[in-house]
Amino acid sequence: MTGRPTLGPEELAIARSVLYAALFEYPLTLAQLRQTLEVPLTPSRILTAYEHSTSLRAIVEHRDGFFFPRGRDGLLVERRRREARSRTFLRANRLLLRLICAMPYVRMVALSGSIAHFNLDHDGDLDLFIVTRGRHAWSVTVAVLLLAKIMRRRRSVCANYTVADSCLAFEPQDLFTANQVIHLKPLIGRGVYETLLAENPFVYRFYPNFHPSGSTTLARRPSAAVEGMKMTIEKLLAAPSAIVERVCRAGYGWHLKRRAAMWRSPEQVSLRPDSLKLHTQSHRQSVSDRFERSVDDALREVERAAARGRAHA
């Protein structure tokens, strides 16, 4: 770039959050914007900063309660369309999700990816993040996939991250990971989610305004009957479960490694005894690159707007 950007730290933080969300065709409400800011700001301070910044308003628009890149008002219609599609999709998979939540050794089930934002496009998946009680990540993953196949939902279910409750600290500790963590939407296991956040304090370095009570959550406390049933089954399976876990790890691990040549992002796959991270088509690098380009483009637009203002002065 030539010249210096005319956005202050608060304005730049607002612009960055809006631009990041726009990569996913997602305009932000004021509450969502505040949750994803990289600096601590109150809602009133965000509005004040926006209203008093000609530079920020040159690249960010605020209309109908949403913030989005200027000139991209079509995102408002798209957000409503995708939210309706997401709710229909979740209703169609309600029984499957309830059965997964009721599985033995499952402590937390959370929506992740686009469905967690209610931002499902036409070919989106049911992305799930699952936490197990102890080392049962492999057997639970296999059980989820078998259940989905039985219910003819295999093509839409993506259990792409399953982890034991003893392994909740994540790497790499970057903006992309932090963004994924704060946008998890627990169906069960709200307490586990809070533990997960405590194990990953780096999240708050990127998002100091974030608080789980301020995020949209779908979590419901399982009934006493369901919890009692799960505990009973876990006790009955205490002896054979370790064998089942080893068999699933060997069998499913062999299957995954056989398909490794098809993975677009093998560096984002981790097959450990206590976790399966199956981001075989991760968008981490492309999102990072697109984000940096969008920020650079926005700052150039700020400079051009400032130049036009000086020319008409």
Protein backbone atom coordinates (compact mmCIF):
# COMPACT_ATOMS: atom_id res chain seq x y z
CA MET A 1 0.00 0.00 0.00
CA THR A 2 0.99 3.60 -0.44
CA GLY A 3 0.39 5.95 2.44
CA ARG A 4 -0.83 5.15 5.92
CA PRO A 5 -4.30 3.82 6.79
CA THR A 6 -6.57 6.40 8.38
CA LEU A 7 -8.31 3.91 10.65
CA GLY A 8 -7.61 3.96 14.37
CA PRO A 9 -7.26 0.74 16.40
CA GLU A 10 -10.97 0.57 17.27
CA GLU A 11 -12.11 1.30 13.74
CA LEU A 12 -9.65 -1.21 12.31
CA ALA A 13 -10.87 -3.88 14.72
CA ILE A 14 -14.47 -3.28 13.65
CA ALA A 15 -13.52 -3.44 9.99
CA ARG A 16 -11.52 -6.64 10.48
CA SER A 17 -14.42 -8.42 12.20
CA VAL A 18 -16.89 -7.39 9.52
CA LEU A 19 -14.53 -8.36 6.72
CA TYR A 20 -13.74 -11.74 8.29
CA ALA A 21 -17.43 -12.61 8.61
CA ALA A 22 -18.04 -11.46 5.05
CA LEU A 23 -15.68 -14.17 3.82
CA PHE A 24 -18.50 -16.52 4.79
CA GLU A 25 -21.26 -14.32 3.34
CA TYR A 26 -22.33 -13.40 6.88
CA PRO A 27 -23.37 -9.90 8.02
CA LEU A 28 -23.04 -9.32 11.77
CA THR A 29 -25.45 -8.02 14.37
CA LEU A 30 -24.07 -5.57 16.91
CA ALA A 31 -23.85 -8.34 19.53
CA GLN A 32 -22.03 -10.64 17.12
CA LEU A 33 -19.68 -7.88 16.08
CA ARG A 34 -18.75 -7.15 19.68
CA GLN A 35 -18.14 -10.85 20.42
CA THR A 36 -15.68 -11.09 17.53
CA LEU A 37 -13.75 -7.85 18.06
CA GLU A 38 -10.04 -8.05 18.74
CA VAL A 39 -10.20 -5.10 21.17
CA PRO A 40 -12.41 -4.62 24.25
CA LEU A 41 -15.35 -2.36 23.33
CA THR A 42 -18.87 -1.87 24.64
CA PRO A 43 -21.81 -1.89 22.21
CA SER A 44 -22.32 1.84 22.66
CA ARG A 45 -18.65 2.50 21.98
CA ILE A 46 -18.83 0.46 18.77
CA LEU A 47 -21.77 2.52 17.53
CA THR A 48 -20.06 5.76 18.49
CA ALA A 49 -16.84 4.77 16.74
CA TYR A 50 -18.77 3.85 13.63
CA GLU A 51 -20.91 7.00 13.50
CA HIS A 52 -17.93 9.31 14.01
CA SER A 53 -15.62 7.65 11.48
CA THR A 54 -15.97 8.69 7.86
CA SER A 55 -13.15 6.29 6.99
CA LEU A 56 -14.88 3.29 8.57
CA ARG A 57 -18.20 4.14 6.95
CA ALA A 58 -16.41 4.20 3.59
CA ILE A 59 -15.87 0.44 3.82
CA VAL A 60 -18.49 -0.81 6.33
CA GLU A 61 -22.22 -0.32 6.13
CA HIS A 62 -24.70 -0.54 9.04
CA ARG A 63 -28.26 -1.16 8.04
CA ASP A 64 -31.30 -3.02 9.44
CA GLY A 65 -29.29 -3.99 12.50
CA PHE A 66 -26.41 -5.57 10.56
CA PHE A 67 -22.82 -4.62 9.75
CA PHE A 68 -21.42 -5.69 6.38
CA PRO A 69 -18.93 -4.46 3.74
CA ARG A 70 -20.22 -1.42 1.89
CA GLY A 71 -21.92 -2.30 -1.38
CA ARG A 72 -22.73 -5.87 -0.34
CA ASP A 73 -26.30 -5.38 0.90
CA GLY A 74 -27.22 -8.65 -0.83
CA LEU A 75 -25.71 -10.38 2.21
CA LEU A 76 -28.79 -9.40 4.23
CA VAL A 77 -31.08 -11.42 1.96
CA GLU A 78 -28.56 -14.26 1.82
CA ARG A 79 -28.31 -14.41 5.61
CA ARG A 80 -32.09 -14.79 5.95
CA ARG A 81 -32.13 -17.44 3.22
CA ARG A 82 -29.34 -19.43 4.82
CA GLU A 83 -30.82 -19.18 8.29
CA ALA A 84 -34.12 -20.62 7.03
CA ARG A 85 -32.23 -23.40 5.24
CA SER A 86 -30.22 -24.16 8.39
CA ARG A 87 -33.30 -24.45 10.59
CA THR A 88 -34.97 -26.78 8.09
CA PHE A 89 -31.79 -28.86 7.93
CA LEU A 90 -31.56 -29.14 11.71
CA ARG A 91 -35.21 -30.17 11.98
CA ALA A 92 -34.59 -32.89 9.41
CA ASN A 93 -31.67 -34.18 11.52
CA ARG A 94 -33.27 -33.71 14.93
CA LEU A 95 -33.66 -37.41 15.72
CA LEU A 96 -30.10 -38.20 14.63
CA LEU A 97 -28.71 -35.46 16.85
CA ARG A 98 -30.74 -36.62 19.84
CA LEU A 99 -29.45 -40.16 19.42
CA ILE A 100 -25.85 -38.96 19.14
CA CYS A 101 -26.27 -36.88 22.30
CA ALA A 102 -27.64 -39.96 24.09
CA MET A 103 -24.68 -42.19 23.15
CA PRO A 104 -22.53 -43.61 25.94
CA TYR A 105 -19.28 -41.75 26.60
CA VAL A 106 -20.52 -38.61 24.83
CA ARG A 107 -20.09 -35.58 27.11
CA MET A 108 -20.50 -32.77 24.60
CA VAL A 109 -21.91 -32.48 21.10
CA ALA A 110 -21.56 -29.11 19.42
CA LEU A 111 -22.41 -27.80 15.99
CA SER A 112 -19.45 -26.31 14.17
CA GLY A 113 -18.76 -24.73 10.81
CA SER A 114 -21.50 -23.04 8.82
CA ILE A 115 -24.37 -24.83 10.55
CA ALA A 116 -23.22 -23.38 13.90
CA HIS A 117 -23.79 -19.91 12.42
CA PHE A 118 -27.13 -20.92 10.88
CA ASN A 119 -25.31 -20.05 7.68
CA LEU A 120 -25.69 -23.28 5.72
CA ASP A 121 -25.33 -22.98 1.97
CA HIS A 122 -26.83 -25.39 -0.53
CA ASP A 123 -24.15 -28.09 -0.12
CA GLY A 124 -23.31 -27.63 3.57
CA ASP A 125 -22.78 -30.46 6.06
CA LEU A 126 -23.80 -31.23 9.61
CA ASP A 127 -20.37 -30.53 11.12
CA LEU A 128 -20.02 -31.91 14.63
CA PHE A 129 -17.45 -31.39 17.37
CA ILE A 130 -17.69 -34.13 20.00
CA VAL A 131 -16.07 -34.53 23.41
CA THR A 132 -15.97 -38.02 24.94
CA ARG A 133 -15.62 -39.20 28.50
CA GLY A 134 -12.12 -40.65 28.54
CA ARG A 135 -10.39 -42.27 25.59
CA HIS A 136 -13.37 -43.24 23.47
CA ALA A 137 -12.90 -40.85 20.56
CA TRP A 138 -12.48 -43.56 17.94
CA SER A 139 -15.35 -45.82 18.98
CA VAL A 140 -17.72 -42.85 19.38
CA THR A 141 -16.76 -41.51 15.93
CA VAL A 142 -17.35 -44.90 14.34
CA ALA A 143 -20.68 -45.23 16.17
CA VAL A 144 -21.79 -41.79 14.92
CA LEU A 145 -20.90 -42.67 11.33
CA LEU A 146 -22.65 -46.05 11.52
CA LEU A 147 -25.76 -44.44 13.00
CA ALA A 148 -25.77 -41.81 10.26
CA LYS A 149 -25.44 -44.52 7.63
CA ILE A 150 -28.30 -46.52 9.12
CA MET A 151 -30.47 -43.41 9.14
CA ARG A 152 -29.41 -42.56 5.58
CA ARG A 153 -27.74 -39.34 6.69
CA ARG A 154 -24.14 -40.34 6.08
CA ARG A 155 -23.61 -37.87 3.23
CA SER A 156 -24.67 -34.91 5.34
CA VAL A 157 -22.93 -35.81 8.63
CA CYS A 158 -19.31 -34.76 9.18
CA ALA A 159 -17.96 -35.82 12.57
CA ASN A 160 -14.68 -34.10 11.82
CA TYR A 161 -13.35 -33.50 15.33
CA THR A 162 -13.76 -35.89 18.25
CA VAL A 163 -11.62 -35.50 21.34
CA ALA A 164 -11.37 -36.99 24.83
CA ASP A 165 -12.21 -34.71 27.75
CA SER A 166 -8.60 -35.05 28.91
CA CYS A 167 -7.29 -33.42 25.71
CA LEU A 168 -9.05 -30.07 25.34
CA ALA A 169 -6.08 -27.74 24.72
CA PHE A 170 -5.83 -26.87 21.03
CA GLU A 171 -3.09 -26.03 18.56
CA PRO A 172 -2.30 -23.88 16.70
CA GLN A 173 -3.27 -20.97 18.92
CA ASP A 174 -4.20 -18.57 16.14
CA LEU A 175 -7.12 -16.44 14.96
CA PHE A 176 -8.65 -19.24 12.89
CA THR A 177 -8.69 -21.69 15.81
CA ALA A 178 -10.00 -19.06 18.22
CA ASN A 179 -12.79 -18.19 15.79
CA GLN A 180 -13.79 -21.84 15.51
CA VAL A 181 -13.86 -22.24 19.30
CA ILE A 182 -16.07 -19.24 20.04
CA HIS A 183 -18.56 -20.28 17.38
CA LEU A 184 -19.12 -23.81 18.63
CA LYS A 185 -22.78 -24.28 19.54
CA PRO A 186 -23.21 -27.01 22.19
CA LEU A 187 -26.29 -29.21 21.97
CA ILE A 188 -25.31 -30.87 25.24
CA GLY A 189 -22.35 -30.32 27.54
CA ARG A 190 -22.39 -26.60 28.27
CA GLY A 191 -20.17 -27.21 31.30
CA VAL A 192 -17.69 -29.10 29.13
CA TYR A 193 -17.61 -26.15 26.73
CA GLU A 194 -16.76 -23.81 29.58
CA THR A 195 -13.94 -26.17 30.59
CA LEU A 196 -12.73 -26.17 26.99
CA LEU A 197 -12.57 -22.37 27.04
CA ALA A 198 -10.63 -22.45 30.30
CA GLU A 199 -8.13 -24.84 28.69
CA ASN A 200 -7.64 -22.43 25.79
CA PRO A 201 -7.08 -18.96 27.30
CA PHE A 202 -5.51 -17.78 24.03
CA VAL A 203 -9.08 -17.43 22.70
CA TYR A 204 -9.55 -14.36 24.89
CA ARG A 205 -6.38 -12.77 23.52
CA PHE A 206 -8.02 -12.72 20.11
CA TYR A 207 -11.56 -12.07 21.36
CA PRO A 208 -11.48 -10.15 24.67
CA ASN A 209 -15.21 -9.38 24.53
CA PHE A 210 -16.25 -13.00 24.14
CA HIS A 211 -18.27 -14.64 26.87
CA PRO A 212 -20.11 -17.96 26.42
CA SER A 213 -23.24 -16.61 28.11
CA GLY A 214 -23.42 -13.94 25.42
CA SER A 215 -23.20 -16.37 22.51
CA THR A 216 -26.11 -18.19 20.94
CA THR A 217 -26.33 -21.67 22.36
CA LEU A 218 -28.59 -24.61 21.69
CA ALA A 219 -27.48 -26.54 24.76
CA ARG A 220 -30.10 -28.35 26.75
CA ARG A 221 -29.52 -30.32 29.93
CA PRO A 222 -30.17 -34.02 29.22
CA SER A 223 -33.01 -35.56 31.18
CA ALA A 224 -32.19 -37.54 34.29
CA ALA A 225 -33.45 -40.68 32.54
CA VAL A 226 -31.07 -40.23 29.61
CA GLU A 227 -28.13 -39.47 31.87
CA GLY A 228 -28.94 -42.46 34.06
CA MET A 229 -29.17 -44.72 31.02
CA LYS A 230 -25.83 -43.51 29.69
CA MET A 231 -24.08 -44.06 33.01
CA THR A 232 -25.54 -47.56 33.31
CA ILE A 233 -24.44 -48.52 29.82
CA GLU A 234 -20.97 -47.11 30.43
CA LYS A 235 -20.62 -49.25 33.55
CA LEU A 236 -21.73 -52.35 31.66
CA LEU A 237 -19.27 -51.58 28.89
CA ALA A 238 -16.38 -50.76 31.20
CA ALA A 239 -14.50 -54.00 30.45
CA PRO A 240 -15.08 -54.43 26.68
CA SER A 241 -14.97 -50.72 25.83
CA ALA A 242 -11.17 -50.59 25.79
CA ILE A 243 -11.08 -53.48 23.32
CA VAL A 244 -13.76 -51.87 21.16
CA GLU A 245 -11.79 -48.62 21.15
CA ARG A 246 -8.62 -50.40 19.98
CA VAL A 247 -10.51 -52.28 17.27
CA CYS A 248 -12.14 -49.08 16.02
CA ARG A 249 -8.84 -47.26 16.04
CA ALA A 250 -7.15 -50.02 14.07
CA GLY A 251 -9.99 -50.52 11.59
CA TYR A 252 -11.04 -46.93 11.03
CA GLY A 253 -7.43 -45.77 11.17
CA TRP A 254 -6.55 -48.19 8.36
CA HIS A 255 -9.51 -46.90 6.34
CA LEU A 256 -8.49 -43.27 6.82
CA LYS A 257 -4.83 -43.84 5.94
CA ARG A 258 -5.91 -45.71 2.80
CA ARG A 259 -7.68 -42.54 1.67
CA ALA A 260 -4.89 -40.16 2.72
CA ALA A 261 -3.88 -39.46 -0.88
CA MET A 262 -7.26 -37.76 -1.38
CA TRP A 263 -6.82 -35.32 1.51
CA ARG A 264 -6.40 -31.73 0.39
CA SER A 265 -5.00 -30.61 3.74
CA PRO A 266 -3.19 -33.57 5.35
CA GLU A 267 -1.45 -31.18 7.77
CA GLN A 268 -4.86 -30.55 9.35
CA VAL A 269 -5.48 -34.25 10.05
CA SER A 270 -4.49 -35.75 13.40
CA LEU A 271 -5.05 -39.40 14.31
CA ARG A 272 -4.16 -39.69 17.97
CA PRO A 273 -5.27 -42.18 20.63
CA ASP A 274 -7.32 -39.51 22.37
CA SER A 275 -8.58 -37.51 19.38
CA LEU A 276 -9.49 -37.53 15.70
CA LYS A 277 -9.14 -34.31 13.78
CA LEU A 278 -10.38 -34.94 10.26
CA HIS A 279 -10.13 -31.58 8.56
CA THR A 280 -9.21 -33.27 5.29
CA GLN A 281 -10.36 -30.26 3.25
CA SER A 282 -9.43 -27.43 5.58
CA HIS A 283 -9.90 -23.85 4.43
CA ARG A 284 -7.52 -22.47 7.06
CA GLN A 285 -4.86 -21.19 4.67
CA SER A 286 -7.24 -19.94 1.99
CA VAL A 287 -9.35 -18.11 4.58
CA SER A 288 -6.24 -16.50 6.06
CA ASP A 289 -5.03 -15.40 2.64
CA ARG A 290 -8.43 -14.08 1.55
CA PHE A 291 -8.83 -12.23 4.84
CA GLU A 292 -5.49 -10.44 4.55
CA ARG A 293 -6.31 -9.45 0.96
CA SER A 294 -9.73 -8.14 1.96
CA VAL A 295 -8.21 -6.04 4.75
CA ASP A 296 -5.58 -4.64 2.37
CA ASP A 297 -8.27 -3.84 -0.20
CA ALA A 298 -10.38 -2.10 2.44
CA LEU A 299 -7.48 0.04 3.63
CA ARG A 300 -6.77 1.05 0.05
CA GLU A 301 -10.41 2.08 -0.28
CA VAL A 302 -10.05 4.18 2.88
CA GLU A 303 -7.06 5.94 1.33
CA ARG A 304 -8.94 6.55 -1.92
CA ALA A 305 -11.94 7.92 -0.02
CA ALA A 306 -9.65 10.23 1.97
CA ALA A 307 -8.03 11.42 -1.26
CA ARG A 308 -11.43 12.13 -2.82
CA GLY A 309 -12.39 14.08 0.28
CA ARG A 310 -9.26 16.22 0.08
CA ALA A 311 -9.84 16.84 -3.63
CA HIS A 312 -13.34 18.18 -2.96
CA ALA A 313 -12.32 20.23 0.05
